[in-house]
Amino acid sequence: MTLSKALRSVSRIIDRIPVIVQPLLFLFAPVILLHSMWSSGASDAGAREQPRQLEATRRTGPSISAETVRQAVERNASFTELKRAVCPKRLPDLYREIEAYPAIAALQSLQYVTVTNDSSRGTYDKVIEVTPAGRFELMDDLRDEGEQYVIKIARRKYVIGSEHVAGLNGQGQLGANDAEVRFSWTWQPLNKAGSRFTLMPLRSDNVYHGWATFKKGETGWTLLNLKLEDDQRDYMQSQ
């Protein structure tokens, strides 16, 4: 409580006391003032505590630990799948054709590829070739597929502490043996080339979301299903 509010409270108390007694109250005014501020502060603290208790109640659910969720998700094949980008070896010499494949600009900026003109086939083309430096830096993250290169650029990273647990007993209540956990994840670049790509979602929170469904049995919790938010950026296709 602010000092001004406390003073108004003391003033209201004095107004209710007979005038003949009021001079004596000035001796006790500091005590009244401190008591008023303390009482209001305790009340405000209680009001602030209620939302925290309510939030804690909302989060109370099936007894699945955050560590159990993280380990199950990180071992799942869908979550461990890497993000890749394609880089064609030959394209028509048109700006929109080159721009459609972000890997070309990303690799060229690192001097991992060269882009040269070629008309040996009767058309004006751009020829993209990986440099020795590019092969050395990318190593196993680079795969030559004949008419194109494929580069591993990022892996998913689980955001620790992002878990939100809900029950799944079909009635909107918390089930004792079933749980759905919402969590967050991000793309983590695997190499310098990966850091040149846009990997964040088109939102201010800068994370993607996932939903994991668990079933509790005699041996513990089992991951039944995992759904990952689509990042809507498929660098294996032209943009």
Protein backbone atom coordinates (compact mmCIF):
# COMPACT_ATOMS: atom_id res chain seq x y z
CA MET A 1 0.00 0.00 0.00
CA THR A 2 1.27 3.50 -0.82
CA LEU A 3 1.82 6.13 1.82
CA SER A 4 -0.96 8.35 0.43
CA LYS A 5 -3.50 5.53 0.69
CA ALA A 6 -2.41 4.80 4.25
CA LEU A 7 -2.83 8.46 5.23
CA ARG A 8 -6.36 8.50 3.81
CA SER A 9 -7.15 5.38 5.80
CA VAL A 10 -5.88 6.98 9.03
CA SER A 11 -7.89 10.13 8.28
CA ARG A 12 -11.10 8.11 7.96
CA ILE A 13 -10.41 6.45 11.30
CA ILE A 14 -9.88 9.83 13.04
CA ASP A 15 -13.11 11.25 11.54
CA ARG A 16 -15.13 8.56 13.32
CA ILE A 17 -13.70 9.46 16.77
CA PRO A 18 -15.16 12.28 18.99
CA VAL A 19 -13.41 15.63 18.60
CA ILE A 20 -12.43 15.81 22.26
CA VAL A 21 -10.39 12.61 21.94
CA GLN A 22 -8.80 13.34 18.57
CA PRO A 23 -5.75 15.30 19.94
CA LEU A 24 -4.66 12.17 21.80
CA LEU A 25 -4.68 10.17 18.59
CA PHE A 26 -1.74 12.11 17.19
CA LEU A 27 0.41 10.27 19.74
CA PHE A 28 -0.67 6.97 18.20
CA ALA A 29 -0.92 8.07 14.53
CA PRO A 30 2.42 6.46 13.50
CA VAL A 31 1.33 3.12 14.94
CA ILE A 32 -2.05 3.32 13.19
CA LEU A 33 -0.34 4.30 9.94
CA LEU A 34 2.11 1.36 10.05
CA HIS A 35 -0.69 -1.08 10.91
CA SER A 36 -2.79 0.15 8.01
CA MET A 37 0.08 -0.24 5.54
CA TRP A 38 0.96 -3.72 6.83
CA SER A 39 -2.66 -4.95 6.68
CA SER A 40 -3.12 -3.73 3.12
CA GLY A 41 0.22 -5.15 2.06
CA ALA A 42 -0.72 -8.56 3.41
CA SER A 43 -4.04 -8.36 1.56
CA ASP A 44 -2.30 -7.40 -1.70
CA ALA A 45 0.17 -10.25 -1.27
CA GLY A 46 -2.72 -12.67 -0.82
CA ALA A 47 -4.35 -11.36 -3.98
CA ARG A 48 -1.11 -11.83 -5.87
CA GLU A 49 -0.70 -15.33 -4.48
CA GLN A 50 -4.11 -16.48 -5.73
CA PRO A 51 -3.19 -16.45 -9.45
CA ARG A 52 -0.05 -18.44 -8.66
CA GLN A 53 -2.08 -21.01 -6.73
CA LEU A 54 -4.62 -21.17 -9.53
CA GLU A 55 -1.88 -21.67 -12.10
CA ALA A 56 -0.38 -24.42 -9.96
CA THR A 57 -3.80 -26.08 -9.79
CA ARG A 58 -4.21 -25.89 -13.56
CA ARG A 59 -0.82 -27.53 -14.06
CA THR A 60 -1.56 -30.37 -11.66
CA GLY A 61 -1.99 -33.46 -13.77
CA PRO A 62 -0.68 -36.95 -14.46
CA SER A 63 2.54 -37.70 -12.62
CA ILE A 64 4.85 -37.74 -15.62
CA SER A 65 8.16 -36.00 -15.16
CA ALA A 66 9.63 -33.43 -17.53
CA GLU A 67 12.75 -35.58 -17.87
CA THR A 68 10.67 -38.57 -18.97
CA VAL A 69 9.00 -36.44 -21.62
CA ARG A 70 12.27 -34.98 -22.89
CA GLN A 71 14.04 -38.32 -23.17
CA ALA A 72 11.12 -39.99 -24.96
CA VAL A 73 10.77 -37.13 -27.44
CA GLU A 74 14.50 -36.86 -28.16
CA ARG A 75 14.70 -40.59 -28.92
CA ASN A 76 11.77 -40.49 -31.34
CA ALA A 77 12.66 -40.93 -35.01
CA SER A 78 10.48 -38.01 -36.11
CA PHE A 79 12.24 -35.65 -33.71
CA THR A 80 15.75 -36.79 -34.67
CA GLU A 81 15.10 -36.35 -38.39
CA LEU A 82 17.48 -33.71 -39.72
CA LYS A 83 16.59 -30.69 -41.81
CA ARG A 84 18.12 -30.72 -45.28
CA ALA A 85 18.46 -28.36 -48.22
CA VAL A 86 18.87 -29.11 -51.90
CA CYS A 87 21.28 -27.33 -54.22
CA PRO A 88 20.83 -28.10 -57.96
CA LYS A 89 23.97 -28.45 -60.08
CA ARG A 90 22.47 -26.74 -63.14
CA LEU A 91 19.68 -24.19 -63.57
CA PRO A 92 18.47 -21.84 -66.31
CA ASP A 93 20.28 -18.51 -66.14
CA LEU A 94 17.30 -16.70 -64.68
CA TYR A 95 17.26 -14.78 -61.41
CA ARG A 96 14.02 -16.34 -60.21
CA GLU A 97 15.42 -19.83 -60.80
CA ILE A 98 18.52 -19.16 -58.71
CA GLU A 99 16.57 -17.37 -55.97
CA ALA A 100 14.18 -20.33 -55.64
CA TYR A 101 16.96 -22.37 -54.01
CA PRO A 102 18.31 -20.57 -50.89
CA ALA A 103 21.09 -23.15 -50.58
CA ILE A 104 22.86 -21.65 -53.59
CA ALA A 105 23.26 -18.21 -52.00
CA ALA A 106 24.07 -19.73 -48.60
CA LEU A 107 26.83 -21.95 -49.95
CA GLN A 108 28.19 -19.31 -52.32
CA SER A 109 28.49 -16.77 -49.48
CA LEU A 110 30.78 -19.23 -47.66
CA GLN A 111 32.71 -20.03 -50.85
CA TYR A 112 31.51 -23.62 -50.60
CA VAL A 113 30.31 -23.53 -54.23
CA THR A 114 31.12 -21.71 -57.43
CA VAL A 115 28.42 -20.47 -59.81
CA THR A 116 29.50 -20.12 -63.44
CA ASN A 117 27.84 -19.46 -66.80
CA ASP A 118 27.49 -22.26 -69.34
CA SER A 119 25.92 -22.49 -72.82
CA SER A 120 27.37 -25.82 -73.98
CA ARG A 121 23.90 -27.36 -74.15
CA GLY A 122 22.47 -24.64 -76.37
CA THR A 123 20.88 -22.75 -73.48
CA TYR A 124 22.17 -20.19 -71.02
CA ASP A 125 22.59 -21.95 -67.72
CA LYS A 126 24.16 -21.52 -64.32
CA VAL A 127 26.41 -24.36 -63.20
CA ILE A 128 26.95 -24.88 -59.47
CA GLU A 129 29.93 -26.89 -58.25
CA VAL A 130 31.12 -27.61 -54.72
CA THR A 131 34.61 -26.33 -53.99
CA PRO A 132 37.31 -28.37 -52.19
CA ALA A 133 36.81 -26.06 -49.19
CA GLY A 134 33.09 -26.81 -49.25
CA ARG A 135 33.67 -30.56 -49.28
CA PHE A 136 36.17 -30.26 -46.43
CA GLU A 137 33.91 -28.11 -44.25
CA LEU A 138 30.68 -30.01 -44.86
CA MET A 139 32.17 -33.52 -44.97
CA ASP A 140 29.38 -36.01 -44.10
CA ASP A 141 26.77 -33.20 -44.14
CA LEU A 142 27.12 -33.09 -47.95
CA ARG A 143 25.71 -35.73 -50.29
CA ASP A 144 26.13 -35.77 -54.06
CA GLU A 145 22.97 -37.10 -55.72
CA GLY A 146 23.99 -36.77 -59.34
CA GLU A 147 22.06 -33.73 -60.55
CA GLN A 148 21.95 -32.02 -57.18
CA TYR A 149 23.66 -31.70 -53.82
CA VAL A 150 21.83 -32.30 -50.55
CA ILE A 151 23.14 -30.64 -47.38
CA LYS A 152 22.24 -31.41 -43.80
CA ILE A 153 21.65 -28.01 -42.19
CA ALA A 154 19.93 -28.37 -38.79
CA ARG A 155 18.67 -30.67 -36.04
CA ARG A 156 15.80 -30.20 -33.62
CA LYS A 157 16.60 -29.01 -30.10
CA TYR A 158 14.17 -29.65 -27.24
CA VAL A 159 13.39 -26.58 -25.13
CA ILE A 160 13.80 -27.69 -21.50
CA GLY A 161 11.14 -26.37 -19.15
CA SER A 162 8.53 -25.79 -21.86
CA GLU A 163 6.31 -28.76 -20.90
CA HIS A 164 2.59 -28.35 -20.24
CA VAL A 165 0.76 -31.51 -19.15
CA ALA A 166 -2.93 -32.30 -19.68
CA GLY A 167 -5.02 -35.40 -19.04
CA LEU A 168 -6.76 -37.44 -21.73
CA ASN A 169 -9.65 -39.37 -20.21
CA GLY A 170 -12.12 -38.14 -22.83
CA GLN A 171 -14.00 -35.83 -20.49
CA GLY A 172 -11.67 -32.86 -20.37
CA GLN A 173 -10.34 -33.92 -16.97
CA LEU A 174 -6.94 -35.15 -15.90
CA GLY A 175 -6.51 -38.85 -16.47
CA ALA A 176 -4.42 -40.93 -14.09
CA ASN A 177 -2.78 -43.10 -16.75
CA ASP A 178 -2.92 -40.94 -19.86
CA ALA A 179 -1.22 -37.68 -20.61
CA GLU A 180 -0.71 -35.28 -23.48
CA VAL A 181 2.28 -33.01 -23.15
CA ARG A 182 2.81 -29.86 -25.17
CA PHE A 183 6.41 -28.76 -25.48
CA SER A 184 8.57 -26.42 -27.55
CA TRP A 185 11.54 -27.01 -29.82
CA THR A 186 13.82 -25.11 -32.17
CA TRP A 187 16.10 -25.81 -35.12
CA GLN A 188 19.80 -25.80 -34.23
CA PRO A 189 22.23 -25.33 -37.16
CA LEU A 190 24.58 -28.24 -37.76
CA ASN A 191 27.23 -26.20 -39.53
CA LYS A 192 28.07 -22.77 -40.92
CA ALA A 193 25.88 -23.38 -43.94
CA GLY A 194 22.91 -24.13 -41.70
CA SER A 195 23.33 -20.81 -39.91
CA ARG A 196 22.74 -19.02 -43.23
CA PHE A 197 19.18 -20.34 -43.52
CA THR A 198 16.04 -18.94 -41.90
CA LEU A 199 15.12 -21.54 -39.30
CA MET A 200 12.84 -19.62 -36.92
CA PRO A 201 9.02 -19.56 -37.24
CA LEU A 202 7.11 -16.51 -38.40
CA ARG A 203 6.08 -15.70 -34.82
CA SER A 204 7.44 -13.60 -32.01
CA ASP A 205 8.06 -16.54 -29.64
CA ASN A 206 10.77 -18.01 -31.93
CA VAL A 207 9.91 -21.61 -31.07
CA TYR A 208 7.96 -24.45 -32.65
CA HIS A 209 5.58 -26.66 -30.70
CA GLY A 210 5.09 -30.39 -30.35
CA TRP A 211 2.48 -32.67 -28.76
CA ALA A 212 3.37 -36.02 -27.20
CA THR A 213 0.78 -38.58 -26.07
CA PHE A 214 1.77 -40.97 -23.27
CA LYS A 215 0.26 -44.06 -21.65
CA LYS A 216 1.25 -45.22 -18.18
CA GLY A 217 1.71 -48.95 -17.63
CA GLU A 218 3.42 -51.29 -15.18
CA THR A 219 6.89 -50.34 -16.45
CA GLY A 220 6.26 -46.59 -16.60
CA TRP A 221 5.23 -44.09 -19.26
CA THR A 222 5.26 -45.04 -22.96
CA LEU A 223 5.20 -42.53 -25.81
CA LEU A 224 2.28 -43.45 -28.08
CA ASN A 225 2.26 -40.60 -30.57
CA LEU A 226 4.33 -37.54 -31.39
CA LYS A 227 3.15 -34.60 -33.49
CA LEU A 228 5.54 -31.83 -34.49
CA GLU A 229 4.52 -28.43 -35.81
CA ASP A 230 5.30 -27.95 -39.49
CA ASP A 231 7.85 -25.16 -39.94
CA GLN A 232 6.52 -24.47 -43.49
CA ARG A 233 10.04 -24.08 -44.87
CA ASP A 234 10.95 -27.05 -47.04
CA TYR A 235 14.39 -26.30 -48.40
CA MET A 236 14.29 -29.57 -50.36
CA GLN A 237 11.86 -27.86 -52.74
CA SER A 238 12.09 -24.65 -54.76
CA GLN A 239 10.73 -21.71 -52.78
